[in-house]
Protein backbone atom coordinates (compact mmCIF):
# COMPACT_ATOMS: atom_id res chain seq x y z
CA UNK A 1 0.00 0.00 0.00
CA UNK A 2 1.33 3.42 -0.94
CA UNK A 3 2.17 6.01 1.67
CA UNK A 4 -0.70 8.21 0.48
CA UNK A 5 -3.21 5.40 0.96
CA UNK A 6 -1.80 4.70 4.41
CA UNK A 7 -2.19 8.37 5.30
CA UNK A 8 -5.78 8.42 4.04
CA UNK A 9 -6.65 5.23 5.92
CA UNK A 10 -5.07 6.62 9.09
CA UNK A 11 -7.01 9.87 8.73
CA UNK A 12 -10.28 7.98 8.29
CA UNK A 13 -9.54 5.83 11.34
CA UNK A 14 -8.75 8.89 13.46
CA UNK A 15 -11.85 10.72 12.24
CA UNK A 16 -14.06 7.68 12.90
CA UNK A 17 -12.63 7.20 16.39
CA UNK A 18 -13.05 10.89 17.16
CA UNK A 19 -16.67 10.88 15.98
CA UNK A 20 -17.46 7.69 17.93
CA UNK A 21 -15.89 9.17 21.05
CA UNK A 22 -17.82 12.41 20.65
CA UNK A 23 -21.11 10.51 20.23
CA UNK A 24 -20.42 8.36 23.28
CA UNK A 25 -19.47 11.41 25.33
CA UNK A 26 -22.67 13.19 24.25
CA UNK A 27 -24.73 10.12 25.14
CA UNK A 28 -23.02 9.87 28.53
CA UNK A 29 -23.79 13.54 29.23
CA UNK A 30 -27.42 13.08 28.19
CA UNK A 31 -27.74 9.98 30.39
CA UNK A 32 -26.18 11.78 33.34
CA UNK A 33 -28.36 14.88 32.90
CA UNK A 34 -31.49 12.74 32.67
CA UNK A 35 -30.82 11.34 36.12
CA UNK A 36 -29.08 8.01 36.64
CA UNK A 37 -31.19 6.58 39.46
CA UNK A 38 -29.27 4.10 41.57
CA UNK A 39 -26.42 3.79 39.05
CA UNK A 40 -23.38 5.96 39.89
CA UNK A 41 -23.29 8.91 37.46
CA UNK A 42 -19.71 8.12 36.51
CA UNK A 43 -18.10 6.78 33.38
CA UNK A 44 -17.83 3.43 35.16
CA UNK A 45 -21.56 3.51 35.83
CA UNK A 46 -22.26 4.44 32.23
CA UNK A 47 -20.03 1.61 31.01
CA UNK A 48 -21.95 -0.86 33.17
CA UNK A 49 -25.36 0.11 31.80
CA UNK A 50 -23.99 0.11 28.24
CA UNK A 51 -22.63 -3.41 28.81
CA UNK A 52 -26.02 -4.57 30.08
CA UNK A 53 -27.72 -2.80 27.19
CA UNK A 54 -25.47 -4.62 24.73
CA UNK A 55 -26.29 -7.94 26.38
CA UNK A 56 -30.02 -7.24 26.11
CA UNK A 57 -29.61 -6.19 22.49
CA UNK A 58 -28.57 -9.77 21.72
CA UNK A 59 -30.94 -11.29 24.30
CA UNK A 60 -34.11 -9.20 23.78
CA UNK A 61 -37.01 -9.55 26.16
CA UNK A 62 -40.62 -8.44 25.96
CA UNK A 63 -41.19 -6.35 29.09
CA UNK A 64 -44.93 -6.38 28.33
CA UNK A 65 -45.08 -10.15 28.68
CA UNK A 66 -46.24 -11.06 32.21
CA UNK A 67 -45.58 -14.78 31.79
CA UNK A 68 -42.05 -14.36 33.17
CA UNK A 69 -43.55 -13.30 36.52
CA UNK A 70 -44.47 -16.27 38.75
CA UNK A 71 -48.21 -16.88 38.95
CA UNK A 72 -49.18 -17.57 42.52
CA UNK A 73 -49.50 -16.24 46.03
CA UNK A 74 -51.88 -13.61 47.38
CA UNK A 75 -53.51 -10.79 45.46
CA UNK A 76 -54.47 -7.40 46.88
CA UNK A 77 -55.98 -5.87 43.73
CA UNK A 78 -59.69 -6.37 43.05
CA UNK A 79 -61.78 -5.51 39.97
CA UNK A 80 -58.76 -3.87 38.44
CA UNK A 81 -59.46 -1.84 35.27
CA UNK A 82 -57.54 -1.97 32.00
CA UNK A 83 -55.54 1.13 31.15
CA UNK A 84 -56.75 3.06 28.11
CA UNK A 85 -54.57 4.01 25.13
CA UNK A 86 -51.13 2.76 24.17
CA UNK A 87 -48.27 2.12 26.55
CA UNK A 88 -45.69 4.93 26.73
CA UNK A 89 -42.26 4.31 25.25
CA UNK A 90 -39.11 4.06 27.35
CA UNK A 91 -35.97 6.17 27.16
CA UNK A 92 -33.08 4.60 25.27
CA UNK A 93 -30.98 3.55 28.26
CA UNK A 94 -31.52 0.24 30.00
CA UNK A 95 -31.04 1.97 33.36
CA UNK A 96 -32.47 3.98 34.86
CA UNK A 97 -35.75 2.54 33.60
CA UNK A 98 -37.79 5.60 32.64
CA UNK A 99 -40.70 6.25 30.32
CA UNK A 100 -41.18 9.04 27.84
CA UNK A 101 -43.03 11.93 29.44
CA UNK A 102 -46.79 12.13 28.90
CA UNK A 103 -49.18 15.06 29.12
CA UNK A 104 -51.01 15.35 32.42
CA UNK A 105 -54.12 17.24 33.41
CA UNK A 106 -53.74 20.08 35.88
CA UNK A 107 -53.10 18.90 39.42
CA UNK A 108 -52.12 15.34 38.45
CA UNK A 109 -48.46 15.71 39.41
CA UNK A 110 -49.34 17.35 42.71
CA UNK A 111 -51.79 14.54 43.53
CA UNK A 112 -49.23 11.90 42.64
CA UNK A 113 -46.64 13.47 44.93
CA UNK A 114 -48.97 13.06 47.93
CA UNK A 115 -49.59 9.32 47.54
CA UNK A 116 -46.52 7.99 49.36
CA UNK A 117 -46.53 10.43 52.32
CA UNK A 118 -50.32 10.24 52.76
CA UNK A 119 -50.25 6.45 52.94
CA UNK A 120 -47.22 6.47 55.24
CA UNK A 121 -48.96 8.90 57.61
CA UNK A 122 -52.37 7.25 57.51
CA UNK A 123 -53.81 5.59 60.60
CA UNK A 124 -53.83 2.26 58.79
CA UNK A 125 -50.11 2.21 57.99
CA UNK A 126 -48.22 4.79 60.06
CA UNK A 127 -46.90 2.11 62.45
CA UNK A 128 -46.00 -0.23 59.61
CA UNK A 129 -44.26 1.89 56.96
CA UNK A 130 -42.24 5.08 56.68
CA UNK A 131 -40.82 7.38 54.01
CA UNK A 132 -37.15 7.98 53.25
CA UNK A 133 -34.69 8.49 50.39
CA UNK A 134 -34.92 5.63 47.90
CA UNK A 135 -32.01 3.22 48.28
CA UNK A 136 -32.70 1.63 44.91
CA UNK A 137 -32.56 5.11 43.33
CA UNK A 138 -29.38 6.18 45.07
CA UNK A 139 -31.26 8.58 47.32
CA UNK A 140 -32.51 10.70 44.41
CA UNK A 141 -36.21 10.29 45.19
CA UNK A 142 -38.62 9.51 48.01
CA UNK A 143 -39.65 5.95 48.79
CA UNK A 144 -41.80 4.10 51.29
CA UNK A 145 -40.39 1.23 53.34
CA UNK A 146 -41.87 -1.46 55.51
CA UNK A 147 -40.56 -1.33 59.08
CA UNK A 148 -38.36 -4.40 59.67
CA UNK A 149 -39.89 -4.96 63.11
CA UNK A 150 -43.45 -5.48 61.77
CA UNK A 151 -44.52 -8.91 63.14
CA UNK A 152 -46.26 -9.95 59.91
CA UNK A 153 -43.60 -8.60 57.56
CA UNK A 154 -43.11 -10.47 54.33
CA UNK A 155 -39.61 -12.02 54.52
CA UNK A 156 -39.20 -11.24 50.81
CA UNK A 157 -39.30 -7.51 51.62
CA UNK A 158 -35.59 -7.43 52.44
CA UNK A 159 -34.76 -8.36 48.82
CA UNK A 160 -34.67 -4.65 47.95
CA UNK A 161 -33.80 -3.10 51.31
CA UNK A 162 -37.43 -3.23 52.58
CA UNK A 163 -38.41 -0.71 49.90
CA UNK A 164 -41.99 -0.90 48.65
CA UNK A 165 -42.26 1.89 46.08
CA UNK A 166 -40.75 5.15 44.84
CA UNK A 167 -41.74 7.87 42.38
CA UNK A 168 -39.41 9.17 39.66
CA UNK A 169 -39.60 12.99 39.64
CA UNK A 170 -38.29 13.22 36.07
CA UNK A 171 -41.19 11.39 34.41
CA UNK A 172 -43.76 10.69 37.17
CA UNK A 173 -43.47 6.92 36.78
CA UNK A 174 -42.93 4.61 39.75
CA UNK A 175 -41.32 1.34 40.70
CA UNK A 176 -43.42 -0.85 43.01
CA UNK A 177 -42.72 -4.22 44.62
CA UNK A 178 -45.95 -6.18 44.31
CA UNK A 179 -47.04 -9.73 44.91
CA UNK A 180 -46.31 -11.79 41.80
CA UNK A 181 -50.00 -12.20 41.04
CA UNK A 182 -50.64 -8.45 41.30
CA UNK A 183 -47.55 -7.67 39.22
CA UNK A 184 -48.91 -9.88 36.45
CA UNK A 185 -52.24 -8.04 36.58
CA UNK A 186 -50.54 -4.63 36.37
CA UNK A 187 -48.56 -5.71 33.31
CA UNK A 188 -51.53 -7.47 31.67
CA UNK A 189 -53.80 -4.46 32.17
CA UNK A 190 -51.17 -2.13 30.65
CA UNK A 191 -50.53 -0.10 33.81
CA UNK A 192 -46.87 -1.02 33.80
CA UNK A 193 -44.16 -3.38 32.61
CA UNK A 194 -41.46 -5.64 33.92
CA UNK A 195 -38.15 -4.32 35.22
CA UNK A 196 -35.65 -4.01 32.40
CA UNK A 197 -32.72 -5.71 34.20
CA UNK A 198 -34.56 -8.52 35.91
CA UNK A 199 -31.48 -10.28 37.29
CA UNK A 200 -30.86 -7.54 39.88
CA UNK A 201 -34.40 -7.28 41.32
CA UNK A 202 -37.36 -9.52 42.17
CA UNK A 203 -39.54 -10.56 39.22
CA UNK A 204 -42.49 -8.65 40.65
CA UNK A 205 -40.60 -5.33 40.97
CA UNK A 206 -42.36 -3.47 38.17
CA UNK A 207 -42.37 -0.10 36.46
CA UNK A 208 -45.76 1.61 36.83
CA UNK A 209 -46.56 4.22 34.21
CA UNK A 210 -47.11 7.88 35.09
CA UNK A 211 -50.75 8.86 35.63
CA UNK A 212 -52.32 11.24 33.12
CA UNK A 213 -55.28 12.43 35.17
CA UNK A 214 -56.97 12.25 38.55
CA UNK A 215 -58.69 8.95 37.77
CA UNK A 216 -55.35 7.30 37.00
CA UNK A 217 -53.82 8.74 40.18
CA UNK A 218 -56.39 6.76 42.16
CA UNK A 219 -55.44 3.59 40.31
CA UNK A 220 -51.78 4.27 41.11
CA UNK A 221 -52.72 4.71 44.76
CA UNK A 222 -54.42 1.30 44.67
CA UNK A 223 -51.31 -0.27 43.15
CA UNK A 224 -49.04 1.26 45.78
CA UNK A 225 -51.37 0.16 48.56
CA UNK A 226 -51.32 -3.38 47.17
CA UNK A 227 -47.53 -3.22 47.44
CA UNK A 228 -47.82 -2.10 51.05
CA UNK A 229 -50.14 -4.99 51.91
CA UNK A 230 -47.79 -7.47 50.24
CA UNK A 231 -44.94 -6.16 52.39
CA UNK A 232 -46.73 -5.92 55.73
CA UNK A 233 -49.14 -8.86 55.43
CA UNK A 234 -47.14 -11.27 53.31
CA UNK A 235 -45.68 -12.90 56.39
CA UNK A 236 -49.11 -14.27 57.22
CA UNK A 237 -48.81 -16.56 54.21
CA UNK A 238 -45.63 -18.19 55.49
C-alpha atoms as a PDB file:
ATOM      1  CA  UNK A   1       0.000   0.000   0.000  1.00  0.00           C
ATOM      2  CA  UNK A   2       1.334   3.420  -0.944  1.00  0.00           C
ATOM      3  CA  UNK A   3       2.173   6.007   1.671  1.00  0.00           C
ATOM      4  CA  UNK A   4      -0.699   8.215   0.480  1.00  0.00           C
ATOM      5  CA  UNK A   5      -3.207   5.405   0.960  1.00  0.00           C
ATOM      6  CA  UNK A   6      -1.799   4.695   4.410  1.00  0.00           C
ATOM      7  CA  UNK A   7      -2.187   8.374   5.296  1.00  0.00           C
ATOM      8  CA  UNK A   8      -5.779   8.417   4.042  1.00  0.00           C
ATOM      9  CA  UNK A   9      -6.653   5.233   5.924  1.00  0.00           C
ATOM     10  CA  UNK A  10      -5.072   6.616   9.091  1.00  0.00           C
ATOM     11  CA  UNK A  11      -7.008   9.869   8.725  1.00  0.00           C
ATOM     12  CA  UNK A  12     -10.276   7.982   8.289  1.00  0.00           C
ATOM     13  CA  UNK A  13      -9.536   5.830  11.337  1.00  0.00           C
ATOM     14  CA  UNK A  14      -8.752   8.894  13.458  1.00  0.00           C
ATOM     15  CA  UNK A  15     -11.850  10.719  12.241  1.00  0.00           C
ATOM     16  CA  UNK A  16     -14.055   7.679  12.904  1.00  0.00           C
ATOM     17  CA  UNK A  17     -12.631   7.199  16.393  1.00  0.00           C
ATOM     18  CA  UNK A  18     -13.047  10.893  17.156  1.00  0.00           C
ATOM     19  CA  UNK A  19     -16.672  10.875  15.980  1.00  0.00           C
ATOM     20  CA  UNK A  20     -17.464   7.694  17.927  1.00  0.00           C
ATOM     21  CA  UNK A  21     -15.885   9.167  21.054  1.00  0.00           C
ATOM     22  CA  UNK A  22     -17.824  12.408  20.652  1.00  0.00           C
ATOM     23  CA  UNK A  23     -21.106  10.505  20.232  1.00  0.00           C
ATOM     24  CA  UNK A  24     -20.420   8.358  23.283  1.00  0.00           C
ATOM     25  CA  UNK A  25     -19.472  11.406  25.328  1.00  0.00           C
ATOM     26  CA  UNK A  26     -22.671  13.195  24.255  1.00  0.00           C
ATOM     27  CA  UNK A  27     -24.729  10.125  25.143  1.00  0.00           C
ATOM     28  CA  UNK A  28     -23.020   9.871  28.533  1.00  0.00           C
ATOM     29  CA  UNK A  29     -23.786  13.535  29.233  1.00  0.00           C
ATOM     30  CA  UNK A  30     -27.416  13.084  28.185  1.00  0.00           C
ATOM     31  CA  UNK A  31     -27.736   9.978  30.387  1.00  0.00           C
ATOM     32  CA  UNK A  32     -26.181  11.779  33.335  1.00  0.00           C
ATOM     33  CA  UNK A  33     -28.361  14.883  32.898  1.00  0.00           C
ATOM     34  CA  UNK A  34     -31.490  12.743  32.666  1.00  0.00           C
ATOM     35  CA  UNK A  35     -30.818  11.337  36.120  1.00  0.00           C
ATOM     36  CA  UNK A  36     -29.082   8.012  36.638  1.00  0.00           C
ATOM     37  CA  UNK A  37     -31.188   6.579  39.463  1.00  0.00           C
ATOM     38  CA  UNK A  38     -29.266   4.101  41.566  1.00  0.00           C
ATOM     39  CA  UNK A  39     -26.418   3.786  39.051  1.00  0.00           C
ATOM     40  CA  UNK A  40     -23.383   5.963  39.893  1.00  0.00           C
ATOM     41  CA  UNK A  41     -23.292   8.911  37.462  1.00  0.00           C
ATOM     42  CA  UNK A  42     -19.707   8.125  36.515  1.00  0.00           C
ATOM     43  CA  UNK A  43     -18.098   6.784  33.378  1.00  0.00           C
ATOM     44  CA  UNK A  44     -17.831   3.435  35.159  1.00  0.00           C
ATOM     45  CA  UNK A  45     -21.558   3.508  35.833  1.00  0.00           C
ATOM     46  CA  UNK A  46     -22.260   4.436  32.226  1.00  0.00           C
ATOM     47  CA  UNK A  47     -20.029   1.608  31.012  1.00  0.00           C
ATOM     48  CA  UNK A  48     -21.954  -0.858  33.168  1.00  0.00           C
ATOM     49  CA  UNK A  49     -25.365   0.114  31.796  1.00  0.00           C
ATOM     50  CA  UNK A  50     -23.987   0.108  28.238  1.00  0.00           C
ATOM     51  CA  UNK A  51     -22.629  -3.408  28.809  1.00  0.00           C
ATOM     52  CA  UNK A  52     -26.017  -4.571  30.080  1.00  0.00           C
ATOM     53  CA  UNK A  53     -27.720  -2.803  27.192  1.00  0.00           C
ATOM     54  CA  UNK A  54     -25.467  -4.623  24.727  1.00  0.00           C
ATOM     55  CA  UNK A  55     -26.291  -7.943  26.375  1.00  0.00           C
ATOM     56  CA  UNK A  56     -30.021  -7.237  26.111  1.00  0.00           C
ATOM     57  CA  UNK A  57     -29.606  -6.193  22.494  1.00  0.00           C
ATOM     58  CA  UNK A  58     -28.570  -9.773  21.715  1.00  0.00           C
ATOM     59  CA  UNK A  59     -30.940 -11.287  24.297  1.00  0.00           C
ATOM     60  CA  UNK A  60     -34.112  -9.202  23.784  1.00  0.00           C
ATOM     61  CA  UNK A  61     -37.011  -9.546  26.158  1.00  0.00           C
ATOM     62  CA  UNK A  62     -40.619  -8.439  25.963  1.00  0.00           C
ATOM     63  CA  UNK A  63     -41.194  -6.350  29.086  1.00  0.00           C
ATOM     64  CA  UNK A  64     -44.927  -6.375  28.330  1.00  0.00           C
ATOM     65  CA  UNK A  65     -45.080 -10.151  28.680  1.00  0.00           C
ATOM     66  CA  UNK A  66     -46.236 -11.065  32.214  1.00  0.00           C
ATOM     67  CA  UNK A  67     -45.582 -14.783  31.785  1.00  0.00           C
ATOM     68  CA  UNK A  68     -42.049 -14.355  33.171  1.00  0.00           C
ATOM     69  CA  UNK A  69     -43.546 -13.304  36.521  1.00  0.00           C
ATOM     70  CA  UNK A  70     -44.474 -16.268  38.755  1.00  0.00           C
ATOM     71  CA  UNK A  71     -48.212 -16.878  38.951  1.00  0.00           C
ATOM     72  CA  UNK A  72     -49.184 -17.569  42.523  1.00  0.00           C
ATOM     73  CA  UNK A  73     -49.504 -16.240  46.026  1.00  0.00           C
ATOM     74  CA  UNK A  74     -51.877 -13.607  47.377  1.00  0.00           C
ATOM     75  CA  UNK A  75     -53.513 -10.786  45.465  1.00  0.00           C
ATOM     76  CA  UNK A  76     -54.468  -7.402  46.878  1.00  0.00           C
ATOM     77  CA  UNK A  77     -55.980  -5.875  43.729  1.00  0.00           C
ATOM     78  CA  UNK A  78     -59.686  -6.372  43.052  1.00  0.00           C
ATOM     79  CA  UNK A  79     -61.785  -5.510  39.975  1.00  0.00           C
ATOM     80  CA  UNK A  80     -58.762  -3.870  38.442  1.00  0.00           C
ATOM     81  CA  UNK A  81     -59.457  -1.839  35.266  1.00  0.00           C
ATOM     82  CA  UNK A  82     -57.542  -1.971  32.005  1.00  0.00           C
ATOM     83  CA  UNK A  83     -55.544   1.133  31.153  1.00  0.00           C
ATOM     84  CA  UNK A  84     -56.746   3.060  28.112  1.00  0.00           C
ATOM     85  CA  UNK A  85     -54.572   4.012  25.135  1.00  0.00           C
ATOM     86  CA  UNK A  86     -51.130   2.762  24.172  1.00  0.00           C
ATOM     87  CA  UNK A  87     -48.272   2.121  26.548  1.00  0.00           C
ATOM     88  CA  UNK A  88     -45.688   4.929  26.726  1.00  0.00           C
ATOM     89  CA  UNK A  89     -42.255   4.313  25.253  1.00  0.00           C
ATOM     90  CA  UNK A  90     -39.106   4.064  27.349  1.00  0.00           C
ATOM     91  CA  UNK A  91     -35.969   6.171  27.162  1.00  0.00           C
ATOM     92  CA  UNK A  92     -33.077   4.599  25.269  1.00  0.00           C
ATOM     93  CA  UNK A  93     -30.977   3.551  28.262  1.00  0.00           C
ATOM     94  CA  UNK A  94     -31.519   0.237  29.995  1.00  0.00           C
ATOM     95  CA  UNK A  95     -31.043   1.968  33.364  1.00  0.00           C
ATOM     96  CA  UNK A  96     -32.475   3.975  34.861  1.00  0.00           C
ATOM     97  CA  UNK A  97     -35.752   2.545  33.597  1.00  0.00           C
ATOM     98  CA  UNK A  98     -37.787   5.600  32.640  1.00  0.00           C
ATOM     99  CA  UNK A  99     -40.703   6.252  30.324  1.00  0.00           C
ATOM    100  CA  UNK A 100     -41.181   9.041  27.842  1.00  0.00           C
ATOM    101  CA  UNK A 101     -43.028  11.934  29.440  1.00  0.00           C
ATOM    102  CA  UNK A 102     -46.794  12.126  28.900  1.00  0.00           C
ATOM    103  CA  UNK A 103     -49.176  15.055  29.119  1.00  0.00           C
ATOM    104  CA  UNK A 104     -51.010  15.348  32.423  1.00  0.00           C
ATOM    105  CA  UNK A 105     -54.116  17.237  33.414  1.00  0.00           C
ATOM    106  CA  UNK A 106     -53.737  20.078  35.885  1.00  0.00           C
ATOM    107  CA  UNK A 107     -53.104  18.896  39.425  1.00  0.00           C
ATOM    108  CA  UNK A 108     -52.118  15.345  38.452  1.00  0.00           C
ATOM    109  CA  UNK A 109     -48.460  15.715  39.406  1.00  0.00           C
ATOM    110  CA  UNK A 110     -49.344  17.350  42.710  1.00  0.00           C
ATOM    111  CA  UNK A 111     -51.789  14.541  43.534  1.00  0.00           C
ATOM    112  CA  UNK A 112     -49.233  11.896  42.638  1.00  0.00           C
ATOM    113  CA  UNK A 113     -46.636  13.473  44.930  1.00  0.00           C
ATOM    114  CA  UNK A 114     -48.970  13.058  47.928  1.00  0.00           C
ATOM    115  CA  UNK A 115     -49.590   9.322  47.542  1.00  0.00           C
ATOM    116  CA  UNK A 116     -46.522   7.993  49.365  1.00  0.00           C
ATOM    117  CA  UNK A 117     -46.530  10.427  52.324  1.00  0.00           C
ATOM    118  CA  UNK A 118     -50.316  10.245  52.761  1.00  0.00           C
ATOM    119  CA  UNK A 119     -50.246   6.453  52.936  1.00  0.00           C
ATOM    120  CA  UNK A 120     -47.218   6.466  55.241  1.00  0.00           C
ATOM    121  CA  UNK A 121     -48.961   8.901  57.607  1.00  0.00           C
ATOM    122  CA  UNK A 122     -52.370   7.253  57.511  1.00  0.00           C
ATOM    123  CA  UNK A 123     -53.810   5.590  60.597  1.00  0.00           C
ATOM    124  CA  UNK A 124     -53.829   2.260  58.785  1.00  0.00           C
ATOM    125  CA  UNK A 125     -50.112   2.213  57.986  1.00  0.00           C
ATOM    126  CA  UNK A 126     -48.222   4.793  60.060  1.00  0.00           C
ATOM    127  CA  UNK A 127     -46.904   2.106  62.449  1.00  0.00           C
ATOM    128  CA  UNK A 128     -45.996  -0.232  59.613  1.00  0.00           C
ATOM    129  CA  UNK A 129     -44.263   1.886  56.961  1.00  0.00           C
ATOM    130  CA  UNK A 130     -42.237   5.084  56.679  1.00  0.00           C
ATOM    131  CA  UNK A 131     -40.816   7.378  54.010  1.00  0.00           C
ATOM    132  CA  UNK A 132     -37.153   7.982  53.249  1.00  0.00           C
ATOM    133  CA  UNK A 133     -34.695   8.490  50.389  1.00  0.00           C
ATOM    134  CA  UNK A 134     -34.920   5.630  47.899  1.00  0.00           C
ATOM    135  CA  UNK A 135     -32.006   3.221  48.284  1.00  0.00           C
ATOM    136  CA  UNK A 136     -32.702   1.630  44.910  1.00  0.00           C
ATOM    137  CA  UNK A 137     -32.561   5.110  43.330  1.00  0.00           C
ATOM    138  CA  UNK A 138     -29.379   6.182  45.067  1.00  0.00           C
ATOM    139  CA  UNK A 139     -31.257   8.576  47.323  1.00  0.00           C
ATOM    140  CA  UNK A 140     -32.514  10.699  44.412  1.00  0.00           C
ATOM    141  CA  UNK A 141     -36.205  10.287  45.194  1.00  0.00           C
ATOM    142  CA  UNK A 142     -38.616   9.511  48.014  1.00  0.00           C
ATOM    143  CA  UNK A 143     -39.645   5.950  48.793  1.00  0.00           C
ATOM    144  CA  UNK A 144     -41.799   4.096  51.288  1.00  0.00           C
ATOM    145  CA  UNK A 145     -40.385   1.228  53.345  1.00  0.00           C
ATOM    146  CA  UNK A 146     -41.874  -1.464  55.515  1.00  0.00           C
ATOM    147  CA  UNK A 147     -40.558  -1.328  59.077  1.00  0.00           C
ATOM    148  CA  UNK A 148     -38.364  -4.399  59.669  1.00  0.00           C
ATOM    149  CA  UNK A 149     -39.893  -4.958  63.106  1.00  0.00           C
ATOM    150  CA  UNK A 150     -43.447  -5.479  61.769  1.00  0.00           C
ATOM    151  CA  UNK A 151     -44.524  -8.908  63.138  1.00  0.00           C
ATOM    152  CA  UNK A 152     -46.265  -9.953  59.914  1.00  0.00           C
ATOM    153  CA  UNK A 153     -43.597  -8.596  57.563  1.00  0.00           C
ATOM    154  CA  UNK A 154     -43.107 -10.469  54.328  1.00  0.00           C
ATOM    155  CA  UNK A 155     -39.610 -12.019  54.520  1.00  0.00           C
ATOM    156  CA  UNK A 156     -39.205 -11.238  50.812  1.00  0.00           C
ATOM    157  CA  UNK A 157     -39.297  -7.507  51.620  1.00  0.00           C
ATOM    158  CA  UNK A 158     -35.590  -7.433  52.441  1.00  0.00           C
ATOM    159  CA  UNK A 159     -34.760  -8.361  48.818  1.00  0.00           C
ATOM    160  CA  UNK A 160     -34.669  -4.654  47.952  1.00  0.00           C
ATOM    161  CA  UNK A 161     -33.798  -3.103  51.309  1.00  0.00           C
ATOM    162  CA  UNK A 162     -37.433  -3.231  52.578  1.00  0.00           C
ATOM    163  CA  UNK A 163     -38.409  -0.708  49.902  1.00  0.00           C
ATOM    164  CA  UNK A 164     -41.987  -0.899  48.646  1.00  0.00           C
ATOM    165  CA  UNK A 165     -42.258   1.894  46.084  1.00  0.00           C
ATOM    166  CA  UNK A 166     -40.754   5.147  44.843  1.00  0.00           C
ATOM    167  CA  UNK A 167     -41.735   7.871  42.377  1.00  0.00           C
ATOM    168  CA  UNK A 168     -39.409   9.169  39.658  1.00  0.00           C
ATOM    169  CA  UNK A 169     -39.602  12.987  39.641  1.00  0.00           C
ATOM    170  CA  UNK A 170     -38.289  13.217  36.066  1.00  0.00           C
ATOM    171  CA  UNK A 171     -41.188  11.391  34.408  1.00  0.00           C
ATOM    172  CA  UNK A 172     -43.761  10.686  37.169  1.00  0.00           C
ATOM    173  CA  UNK A 173     -43.473   6.920  36.777  1.00  0.00           C
ATOM    174  CA  UNK A 174     -42.933   4.608  39.752  1.00  0.00           C
ATOM    175  CA  UNK A 175     -41.323   1.340  40.696  1.00  0.00           C
ATOM    176  CA  UNK A 176     -43.424  -0.846  43.007  1.00  0.00           C
ATOM    177  CA  UNK A 177     -42.718  -4.217  44.621  1.00  0.00           C
ATOM    178  CA  UNK A 178     -45.954  -6.176  44.306  1.00  0.00           C
ATOM    179  CA  UNK A 179     -47.038  -9.726  44.910  1.00  0.00           C
ATOM    180  CA  UNK A 180     -46.313 -11.793  41.796  1.00  0.00           C
ATOM    181  CA  UNK A 181     -49.999 -12.205  41.043  1.00  0.00           C
ATOM    182  CA  UNK A 182     -50.638  -8.453  41.303  1.00  0.00           C
ATOM    183  CA  UNK A 183     -47.547  -7.674  39.224  1.00  0.00           C
ATOM    184  CA  UNK A 184     -48.911  -9.877  36.452  1.00  0.00           C
ATOM    185  CA  UNK A 185     -52.238  -8.036  36.581  1.00  0.00           C
ATOM    186  CA  UNK A 186     -50.540  -4.631  36.375  1.00  0.00           C
ATOM    187  CA  UNK A 187     -48.560  -5.710  33.310  1.00  0.00           C
ATOM    188  CA  UNK A 188     -51.526  -7.467  31.668  1.00  0.00           C
ATOM    189  CA  UNK A 189     -53.802  -4.462  32.170  1.00  0.00           C
ATOM    190  CA  UNK A 190     -51.168  -2.130  30.647  1.00  0.00           C
ATOM    191  CA  UNK A 191     -50.527  -0.096  33.810  1.00  0.00           C
ATOM    192  CA  UNK A 192     -46.872  -1.017  33.800  1.00  0.00           C
ATOM    193  CA  UNK A 193     -44.163  -3.376  32.612  1.00  0.00           C
ATOM    194  CA  UNK A 194     -41.461  -5.645  33.924  1.00  0.00           C
ATOM    195  CA  UNK A 195     -38.155  -4.318  35.215  1.00  0.00           C
ATOM    196  CA  UNK A 196     -35.647  -4.009  32.403  1.00  0.00           C
ATOM    197  CA  UNK A 197     -32.720  -5.706  34.202  1.00  0.00           C
ATOM    198  CA  UNK A 198     -34.558  -8.517  35.914  1.00  0.00           C
ATOM    199  CA  UNK A 199     -31.478 -10.280  37.291  1.00  0.00           C
ATOM    200  CA  UNK A 200     -30.859  -7.544  39.884  1.00  0.00           C
ATOM    201  CA  UNK A 201     -34.397  -7.283  41.323  1.00  0.00           C
ATOM    202  CA  UNK A 202     -37.361  -9.516  42.172  1.00  0.00           C
ATOM    203  CA  UNK A 203     -39.541 -10.559  39.217  1.00  0.00           C
ATOM    204  CA  UNK A 204     -42.489  -8.649  40.652  1.00  0.00           C
ATOM    205  CA  UNK A 205     -40.601  -5.331  40.967  1.00  0.00           C
ATOM    206  CA  UNK A 206     -42.361  -3.471  38.165  1.00  0.00           C
ATOM    207  CA  UNK A 207     -42.372  -0.097  36.462  1.00  0.00           C
ATOM    208  CA  UNK A 208     -45.762   1.614  36.833  1.00  0.00           C
ATOM    209  CA  UNK A 209     -46.557   4.222  34.206  1.00  0.00           C
ATOM    210  CA  UNK A 210     -47.112   7.881  35.086  1.00  0.00           C
ATOM    211  CA  UNK A 211     -50.745   8.856  35.630  1.00  0.00           C
ATOM    212  CA  UNK A 212     -52.316  11.240  33.116  1.00  0.00           C
ATOM    213  CA  UNK A 213     -55.281  12.426  35.168  1.00  0.00           C
ATOM    214  CA  UNK A 214     -56.972  12.249  38.555  1.00  0.00           C
ATOM    215  CA  UNK A 215     -58.686   8.947  37.771  1.00  0.00           C
ATOM    216  CA  UNK A 216     -55.355   7.296  37.000  1.00  0.00           C
ATOM    217  CA  UNK A 217     -53.822   8.741  40.177  1.00  0.00           C
ATOM    218  CA  UNK A 218     -56.392   6.765  42.164  1.00  0.00           C
ATOM    219  CA  UNK A 219     -55.440   3.586  40.309  1.00  0.00           C
ATOM    220  CA  UNK A 220     -51.780   4.271  41.110  1.00  0.00           C
ATOM    221  CA  UNK A 221     -52.723   4.710  44.757  1.00  0.00           C
ATOM    222  CA  UNK A 222     -54.424   1.305  44.673  1.00  0.00           C
ATOM    223  CA  UNK A 223     -51.311  -0.271  43.145  1.00  0.00           C
ATOM    224  CA  UNK A 224     -49.037   1.258  45.779  1.00  0.00           C
ATOM    225  CA  UNK A 225     -51.375   0.164  48.562  1.00  0.00           C
ATOM    226  CA  UNK A 226     -51.316  -3.375  47.172  1.00  0.00           C
ATOM    227  CA  UNK A 227     -47.533  -3.215  47.443  1.00  0.00           C
ATOM    228  CA  UNK A 228     -47.821  -2.098  51.051  1.00  0.00           C
ATOM    229  CA  UNK A 229     -50.135  -4.988  51.907  1.00  0.00           C
ATOM    230  CA  UNK A 230     -47.792  -7.467  50.236  1.00  0.00           C
ATOM    231  CA  UNK A 231     -44.941  -6.158  52.389  1.00  0.00           C
ATOM    232  CA  UNK A 232     -46.726  -5.916  55.729  1.00  0.00           C
ATOM    233  CA  UNK A 233     -49.138  -8.862  55.433  1.00  0.00           C
ATOM    234  CA  UNK A 234     -47.136 -11.269  53.309  1.00  0.00           C
ATOM    235  CA  UNK A 235     -45.682 -12.905  56.386  1.00  0.00           C
ATOM    236  CA  UNK A 236     -49.110 -14.265  57.218  1.00  0.00           C
ATOM    237  CA  UNK A 237     -48.810 -16.565  54.215  1.00  0.00           C
ATOM    238  CA  UNK A 238     -45.634 -18.188  55.490  1.00  0.00           C
END
